Amino acid sequence: MDALLTVEFADGQKNAAVHLPFCPMFQAAPTIDTTIKTNLSTVPDAAVTDISVQPFGVRIEVRRPPGPPTEIQLLIHAEEVLDENRA
């Protein structure tokens, strides 16, 4: 599954969290890849700082230096890890 999420930051805000629910949910927690798609010259120190993954969704925290209001776009890729031993 692929998704593009927009994380909005208010004036001076340093941290923000976004939630992406999975419907239908995965059978187990998927592997997650995140990529910041925003031009890093506008927010050079933006970073994904924490990811909490469950079969029903993911919570992603993004950090940036305090600054003016801005948006950061994240490309999310979630993939179920197949268990070869499962019948």
Protein backbone atom coordinates (compact mmCIF):
# COMPACT_ATOMS: atom_id res chain seq x y z
CA MET A 1 0.00 0.00 0.00
CA ASP A 2 1.25 3.47 -0.84
CA ALA A 3 0.00 6.77 0.58
CA LEU A 4 0.94 10.44 0.43
CA LEU A 5 0.33 12.26 3.72
CA THR A 6 0.55 15.97 4.42
CA VAL A 7 1.84 16.99 7.85
CA GLU A 8 0.86 20.53 8.79
CA PHE A 9 2.98 22.65 11.13
CA ALA A 10 1.70 25.82 12.81
CA ASP A 11 3.92 28.85 13.41
CA GLY A 12 6.78 27.79 15.71
CA GLN A 13 5.60 24.15 15.97
CA LYS A 14 8.48 21.63 16.10
CA ASN A 15 6.74 18.22 16.30
CA ALA A 16 3.68 16.76 14.61
CA ALA A 17 2.15 13.30 14.42
CA VAL A 18 0.00 11.74 11.72
CA HIS A 19 -2.01 8.55 11.79
CA LEU A 20 -2.71 6.30 8.81
CA PRO A 21 -5.32 3.57 9.41
CA PHE A 22 -5.25 0.38 7.34
CA CYS A 23 -8.61 -0.89 6.14
CA PRO A 24 -8.77 -3.77 5.89
CA MET A 25 -6.07 -4.23 8.47
CA PHE A 26 -3.00 -6.34 7.82
CA GLN A 27 -2.74 -9.79 9.42
CA ALA A 28 0.45 -8.67 11.18
CA ALA A 29 2.30 -5.37 11.52
CA PRO A 30 3.62 -4.45 8.05
CA THR A 31 7.04 -3.08 7.21
CA ILE A 32 6.95 0.69 6.69
CA ASP A 33 9.11 2.91 4.49
CA THR A 34 8.80 6.69 4.74
CA THR A 35 10.24 9.33 2.44
CA ILE A 36 9.97 13.09 2.90
CA LYS A 37 8.71 14.42 -0.46
CA THR A 38 8.82 18.12 0.45
CA ASN A 39 11.71 20.09 -0.97
CA LEU A 40 14.24 19.86 1.86
CA SER A 41 15.65 23.28 0.97
CA THR A 42 12.46 24.79 2.42
CA VAL A 43 12.59 22.64 5.59
CA PRO A 44 16.20 21.39 5.64
CA ASP A 45 16.17 19.71 9.05
CA ALA A 46 12.83 17.92 8.75
CA ALA A 47 13.00 14.28 9.82
CA VAL A 48 10.79 11.34 10.66
CA THR A 49 11.62 10.75 14.32
CA ASP A 50 9.35 7.90 15.39
CA ILE A 51 7.16 5.27 13.77
CA SER A 52 4.71 3.07 15.67
CA VAL A 53 3.33 0.25 13.52
CA GLN A 54 0.32 -1.96 14.26
CA PRO A 55 -1.67 -4.25 11.94
CA PHE A 56 -4.50 -1.66 11.98
CA GLY A 57 -2.42 1.45 11.28
CA VAL A 58 0.73 3.49 11.70
CA ARG A 59 1.59 6.60 13.72
CA ILE A 60 4.41 8.73 12.36
CA GLU A 61 6.10 11.62 14.16
CA VAL A 62 7.87 14.34 12.20
CA ARG A 63 10.21 16.98 13.62
CA ARG A 64 11.44 20.26 12.20
CA PRO A 65 13.13 23.36 13.61
CA PRO A 66 10.70 26.06 14.83
CA GLY A 67 9.68 28.30 11.97
CA PRO A 68 6.78 29.72 9.99
CA PRO A 69 3.73 27.60 9.16
CA THR A 70 4.53 24.94 6.59
CA GLU A 71 3.49 21.56 5.22
CA ILE A 72 5.67 18.50 4.82
CA GLN A 73 4.60 15.68 2.55
CA LEU A 74 5.45 12.08 3.39
CA LEU A 75 5.36 9.16 0.99
CA ILE A 76 4.46 6.02 2.96
CA HIS A 77 4.89 2.47 1.71
CA ALA A 78 3.41 -0.35 3.83
CA GLU A 79 4.03 -3.96 2.90
CA GLU A 80 2.87 -7.11 4.64
CA VAL A 81 5.65 -9.52 5.54
CA LEU A 82 4.53 -12.93 4.35
CA ASP A 83 5.11 -15.79 6.76
CA GLU A 84 6.17 -18.77 4.67
CA ASN A 85 5.34 -21.13 7.56
CA ARG A 86 1.71 -20.04 7.79
CA ALA A 87 -0.77 -22.52 6.38
